[in-house]
Amino acid sequence: MRRLLFVFVCQLSFVAAFGAPVNGVVTSDDRGAVIGVEACEQSDGGVAFLTAFYKNFILTENWGKWEKYYSKRLTDKAFRKLVNDFDYECEQGPCFAWWMFRIGGNDADTNGMRRTLKITPAGNGWYNVRMSDYGKPGTVKVRLVKRQGGYYIDDYVGQY
């Protein structure tokens, strides 16, 4: 009974953090590991949102299925910034510079970044996203705003 109550409360927290269920409330990564329950054990809804954002989308090889969802989780400011930071020819827009949320280069150690991912609140809506690429640590700063319907990415400071 206690486990059932925890799962129910956790699911409510997950829906509150994301605004809507993703894959039926509890999400999983490309290897089937549960992300949603892990994230909602965090006390901060912004940490839960960013954990799922990174593990489901930024630090995965199968990011395409999540791009439409997360592109709708950008404020106008972040939308414009990600489009402007895309410095390649864009064949079919809008094109986003999602790599700004990572550290390292094109041959980055995605699995290492997933293993070392740590997200902490930094105040005033900012979060420090720490990870390591081939043993070299780095931090990306992400600012979230909470609106009706969940969290939205408002700004970022990447390492590029």
C-alpha atoms as a PDB file:
ATOM      1  CA  MET A   1       0.000   0.000   0.000  1.00  0.00           C
ATOM      2  CA  ARG A   2       2.801   2.379   0.917  1.00  0.00           C
ATOM      3  CA  ARG A   3       4.559   1.684  -2.441  1.00  0.00           C
ATOM      4  CA  LEU A   4       1.309   2.311  -4.330  1.00  0.00           C
ATOM      5  CA  LEU A   5       0.838   5.624  -2.521  1.00  0.00           C
ATOM      6  CA  PHE A   6       4.440   6.647  -3.345  1.00  0.00           C
ATOM      7  CA  VAL A   7       3.965   5.836  -7.042  1.00  0.00           C
ATOM      8  CA  PHE A   8       0.695   7.810  -7.120  1.00  0.00           C
ATOM      9  CA  VAL A   9       2.250  10.867  -5.440  1.00  0.00           C
ATOM     10  CA  CYS A  10       5.304  10.558  -7.657  1.00  0.00           C
ATOM     11  CA  GLN A  11       3.131  10.462 -10.773  1.00  0.00           C
ATOM     12  CA  LEU A  12       1.254  13.572  -9.635  1.00  0.00           C
ATOM     13  CA  SER A  13       4.580  15.367  -9.071  1.00  0.00           C
ATOM     14  CA  PHE A  14       5.802  14.284 -12.497  1.00  0.00           C
ATOM     15  CA  VAL A  15       2.651  15.592 -14.189  1.00  0.00           C
ATOM     16  CA  ALA A  16       2.971  18.859 -12.242  1.00  0.00           C
ATOM     17  CA  ALA A  17       6.594  19.278 -13.333  1.00  0.00           C
ATOM     18  CA  PHE A  18       5.931  18.563 -17.002  1.00  0.00           C
ATOM     19  CA  GLY A  19       2.409  19.869 -17.399  1.00  0.00           C
ATOM     20  CA  ALA A  20       1.250  16.720 -19.162  1.00  0.00           C
ATOM     21  CA  PRO A  21       2.060  13.035 -19.057  1.00  0.00           C
ATOM     22  CA  VAL A  22       4.907  11.868 -21.256  1.00  0.00           C
ATOM     23  CA  ASN A  23       4.609   8.235 -22.351  1.00  0.00           C
ATOM     24  CA  GLY A  24       1.729   7.793 -19.904  1.00  0.00           C
ATOM     25  CA  VAL A  25       3.258   9.627 -16.904  1.00  0.00           C
ATOM     26  CA  VAL A  26       6.420   7.567 -16.392  1.00  0.00           C
ATOM     27  CA  THR A  27       9.049   8.004 -19.102  1.00  0.00           C
ATOM     28  CA  SER A  28      11.954   5.794 -20.034  1.00  0.00           C
ATOM     29  CA  ASP A  29      15.191   6.346 -21.867  1.00  0.00           C
ATOM     30  CA  ASP A  30      16.337   4.645 -25.055  1.00  0.00           C
ATOM     31  CA  ARG A  31      17.592   1.643 -23.055  1.00  0.00           C
ATOM     32  CA  GLY A  32      14.328   1.253 -21.142  1.00  0.00           C
ATOM     33  CA  ALA A  33      15.536   2.734 -17.852  1.00  0.00           C
ATOM     34  CA  VAL A  34      12.771   4.581 -16.037  1.00  0.00           C
ATOM     35  CA  ILE A  35      13.383   8.337 -15.967  1.00  0.00           C
ATOM     36  CA  GLY A  36      10.103   9.705 -14.606  1.00  0.00           C
ATOM     37  CA  VAL A  37      10.094   7.981 -11.223  1.00  0.00           C
ATOM     38  CA  GLU A  38      13.773   8.772 -10.660  1.00  0.00           C
ATOM     39  CA  ALA A  39      13.183  12.414 -11.499  1.00  0.00           C
ATOM     40  CA  CYS A  40      10.112  12.885  -9.337  1.00  0.00           C
ATOM     41  CA  GLU A  41      11.962  11.632  -6.272  1.00  0.00           C
ATOM     42  CA  GLN A  42      13.746  14.998  -6.460  1.00  0.00           C
ATOM     43  CA  SER A  43      12.112  17.709  -4.357  1.00  0.00           C
ATOM     44  CA  ASP A  44      12.521  20.409  -7.020  1.00  0.00           C
ATOM     45  CA  GLY A  45      10.224  20.224 -10.074  1.00  0.00           C
ATOM     46  CA  GLY A  46      12.813  22.082 -12.162  1.00  0.00           C
ATOM     47  CA  VAL A  47      15.380  19.385 -11.422  1.00  0.00           C
ATOM     48  CA  ALA A  48      12.819  16.761 -12.481  1.00  0.00           C
ATOM     49  CA  PHE A  49      12.107  18.592 -15.730  1.00  0.00           C
ATOM     50  CA  LEU A  50      15.786  19.042 -16.575  1.00  0.00           C
ATOM     51  CA  THR A  51      16.656  15.453 -15.645  1.00  0.00           C
ATOM     52  CA  ALA A  52      14.092  14.147 -18.116  1.00  0.00           C
ATOM     53  CA  PHE A  53      15.115  16.785 -20.706  1.00  0.00           C
ATOM     54  CA  TYR A  54      18.723  15.619 -20.573  1.00  0.00           C
ATOM     55  CA  LYS A  55      18.166  11.872 -20.260  1.00  0.00           C
ATOM     56  CA  ASN A  56      15.310  11.623 -22.764  1.00  0.00           C
ATOM     57  CA  PHE A  57      16.553  14.124 -25.306  1.00  0.00           C
ATOM     58  CA  ILE A  58      19.926  15.874 -25.049  1.00  0.00           C
ATOM     59  CA  LEU A  59      22.047  12.891 -23.955  1.00  0.00           C
ATOM     60  CA  THR A  60      20.574  10.200 -26.159  1.00  0.00           C
ATOM     61  CA  GLU A  61      21.210   8.894 -29.631  1.00  0.00           C
ATOM     62  CA  ASN A  62      17.460   8.752 -30.339  1.00  0.00           C
ATOM     63  CA  TRP A  63      16.679  12.425 -29.818  1.00  0.00           C
ATOM     64  CA  GLY A  64      14.437  12.906 -32.859  1.00  0.00           C
ATOM     65  CA  LYS A  65      11.262  11.626 -31.238  1.00  0.00           C
ATOM     66  CA  TRP A  66      11.525  14.250 -28.448  1.00  0.00           C
ATOM     67  CA  GLU A  67      12.437  17.350 -30.473  1.00  0.00           C
ATOM     68  CA  LYS A  68       8.845  18.380 -31.180  1.00  0.00           C
ATOM     69  CA  TYR A  69       7.875  18.037 -27.504  1.00  0.00           C
ATOM     70  CA  TYR A  70      10.830  19.994 -26.121  1.00  0.00           C
ATOM     71  CA  SER A  71      10.751  22.686 -28.816  1.00  0.00           C
ATOM     72  CA  LYS A  72       7.332  23.568 -27.376  1.00  0.00           C
ATOM     73  CA  ARG A  73       8.925  23.868 -23.908  1.00  0.00           C
ATOM     74  CA  LEU A  74      10.902  26.997 -24.878  1.00  0.00           C
ATOM     75  CA  THR A  75      10.001  30.595 -24.104  1.00  0.00           C
ATOM     76  CA  ASP A  76      10.156  33.009 -27.049  1.00  0.00           C
ATOM     77  CA  LYS A  77      13.532  34.206 -25.769  1.00  0.00           C
ATOM     78  CA  ALA A  78      15.064  30.700 -25.660  1.00  0.00           C
ATOM     79  CA  PHE A  79      13.442  29.789 -29.003  1.00  0.00           C
ATOM     80  CA  ARG A  80      15.091  32.781 -30.730  1.00  0.00           C
ATOM     81  CA  LYS A  81      18.438  32.130 -29.033  1.00  0.00           C
ATOM     82  CA  LEU A  82      18.536  28.447 -30.050  1.00  0.00           C
ATOM     83  CA  VAL A  83      17.611  29.311 -33.634  1.00  0.00           C
ATOM     84  CA  ASN A  84      20.227  32.108 -33.780  1.00  0.00           C
ATOM     85  CA  ASP A  85      22.919  29.829 -32.289  1.00  0.00           C
ATOM     86  CA  PHE A  86      22.335  27.283 -35.083  1.00  0.00           C
ATOM     87  CA  ASP A  87      25.323  28.154 -37.256  1.00  0.00           C
ATOM     88  CA  TYR A  88      24.836  25.635 -40.054  1.00  0.00           C
ATOM     89  CA  GLU A  89      22.682  25.811 -43.159  1.00  0.00           C
ATOM     90  CA  CYS A  90      19.117  25.001 -42.173  1.00  0.00           C
ATOM     91  CA  GLU A  91      17.250  23.136 -44.895  1.00  0.00           C
ATOM     92  CA  GLN A  92      13.883  22.958 -43.194  1.00  0.00           C
ATOM     93  CA  GLY A  93      13.334  25.295 -40.264  1.00  0.00           C
ATOM     94  CA  PRO A  94      13.264  26.146 -37.613  1.00  0.00           C
ATOM     95  CA  CYS A  95      16.591  24.518 -36.730  1.00  0.00           C
ATOM     96  CA  PHE A  96      17.760  24.531 -33.117  1.00  0.00           C
ATOM     97  CA  ALA A  97      21.287  24.461 -31.673  1.00  0.00           C
ATOM     98  CA  TRP A  98      20.425  21.768 -29.117  1.00  0.00           C
ATOM     99  CA  TRP A  99      24.155  21.019 -28.695  1.00  0.00           C
ATOM    100  CA  MET A 100      24.400  24.199 -26.620  1.00  0.00           C
ATOM    101  CA  PHE A 101      23.031  22.127 -23.723  1.00  0.00           C
ATOM    102  CA  ARG A 102      25.978  19.703 -23.918  1.00  0.00           C
ATOM    103  CA  ILE A 103      29.693  19.900 -23.229  1.00  0.00           C
ATOM    104  CA  GLY A 104      32.409  18.538 -25.485  1.00  0.00           C
ATOM    105  CA  GLY A 105      32.449  18.336 -29.239  1.00  0.00           C
ATOM    106  CA  ASN A 106      30.937  16.251 -31.992  1.00  0.00           C
ATOM    107  CA  ASP A 107      32.509  13.044 -30.705  1.00  0.00           C
ATOM    108  CA  ALA A 108      31.369  13.589 -27.140  1.00  0.00           C
ATOM    109  CA  ASP A 109      31.057  10.750 -24.638  1.00  0.00           C
ATOM    110  CA  THR A 110      27.265  10.744 -24.328  1.00  0.00           C
ATOM    111  CA  ASN A 111      27.231   7.717 -22.000  1.00  0.00           C
ATOM    112  CA  GLY A 112      29.806   9.370 -19.733  1.00  0.00           C
ATOM    113  CA  MET A 113      27.739  12.537 -19.611  1.00  0.00           C
ATOM    114  CA  ARG A 114      24.628  10.505 -18.714  1.00  0.00           C
ATOM    115  CA  ARG A 115      26.509   8.732 -15.908  1.00  0.00           C
ATOM    116  CA  THR A 116      27.924  11.951 -14.440  1.00  0.00           C
ATOM    117  CA  LEU A 117      24.863  14.182 -14.925  1.00  0.00           C
ATOM    118  CA  LYS A 118      24.096  16.261 -11.839  1.00  0.00           C
ATOM    119  CA  ILE A 119      21.558  19.092 -11.764  1.00  0.00           C
ATOM    120  CA  THR A 120      21.339  21.566  -8.908  1.00  0.00           C
ATOM    121  CA  PRO A 121      19.325  24.756  -8.386  1.00  0.00           C
ATOM    122  CA  ALA A 122      21.465  27.911  -8.494  1.00  0.00           C
ATOM    123  CA  GLY A 123      18.773  30.469  -7.598  1.00  0.00           C
ATOM    124  CA  ASN A 124      16.527  32.851  -9.524  1.00  0.00           C
ATOM    125  CA  GLY A 125      15.332  30.069 -11.841  1.00  0.00           C
ATOM    126  CA  TRP A 126      18.879  29.053 -12.860  1.00  0.00           C
ATOM    127  CA  TYR A 127      20.173  25.491 -12.662  1.00  0.00           C
ATOM    128  CA  ASN A 128      23.726  24.182 -12.941  1.00  0.00           C
ATOM    129  CA  VAL A 129      23.910  21.098 -15.135  1.00  0.00           C
ATOM    130  CA  ARG A 130      27.214  19.338 -14.480  1.00  0.00           C
ATOM    131  CA  MET A 131      28.587  16.412 -16.444  1.00  0.00           C
ATOM    132  CA  SER A 132      31.897  15.024 -17.700  1.00  0.00           C
ATOM    133  CA  ASP A 133      32.979  14.341 -21.271  1.00  0.00           C
ATOM    134  CA  TYR A 134      35.831  11.802 -21.358  1.00  0.00           C
ATOM    135  CA  GLY A 135      36.700  12.763 -17.779  1.00  0.00           C
ATOM    136  CA  LYS A 136      36.723  16.511 -18.436  1.00  0.00           C
ATOM    137  CA  PRO A 137      34.042  18.166 -16.257  1.00  0.00           C
ATOM    138  CA  GLY A 138      31.866  20.984 -17.521  1.00  0.00           C
ATOM    139  CA  THR A 139      28.789  22.961 -16.558  1.00  0.00           C
ATOM    140  CA  VAL A 140      25.894  24.299 -18.594  1.00  0.00           C
ATOM    141  CA  LYS A 141      23.615  26.853 -16.961  1.00  0.00           C
ATOM    142  CA  VAL A 142      19.905  26.650 -17.759  1.00  0.00           C
ATOM    143  CA  ARG A 143      17.178  29.055 -16.625  1.00  0.00           C
ATOM    144  CA  LEU A 144      13.634  27.749 -16.248  1.00  0.00           C
ATOM    145  CA  VAL A 145      10.376  29.577 -15.768  1.00  0.00           C
ATOM    146  CA  LYS A 146       7.261  27.946 -14.442  1.00  0.00           C
ATOM    147  CA  ARG A 147       4.018  28.738 -16.195  1.00  0.00           C
ATOM    148  CA  GLN A 148       0.604  27.218 -16.192  1.00  0.00           C
ATOM    149  CA  GLY A 149       1.214  23.879 -17.823  1.00  0.00           C
ATOM    150  CA  GLY A 150       4.709  23.247 -16.458  1.00  0.00           C
ATOM    151  CA  TYR A 151       8.312  24.313 -16.867  1.00  0.00           C
ATOM    152  CA  TYR A 152       9.812  26.125 -19.850  1.00  0.00           C
ATOM    153  CA  ILE A 153      13.436  26.761 -20.793  1.00  0.00           C
ATOM    154  CA  ASP A 154      13.986  30.515 -20.788  1.00  0.00           C
ATOM    155  CA  ASP A 155      17.754  30.903 -21.207  1.00  0.00           C
ATOM    156  CA  TYR A 156      21.020  28.979 -21.198  1.00  0.00           C
ATOM    157  CA  VAL A 157      24.751  29.529 -21.052  1.00  0.00           C
ATOM    158  CA  GLY A 158      26.551  26.740 -22.871  1.00  0.00           C
ATOM    159  CA  GLN A 159      30.230  25.907 -23.039  1.00  0.00           C
ATOM    160  CA  TYR A 160      30.624  26.525 -26.762  1.00  0.00           C
END
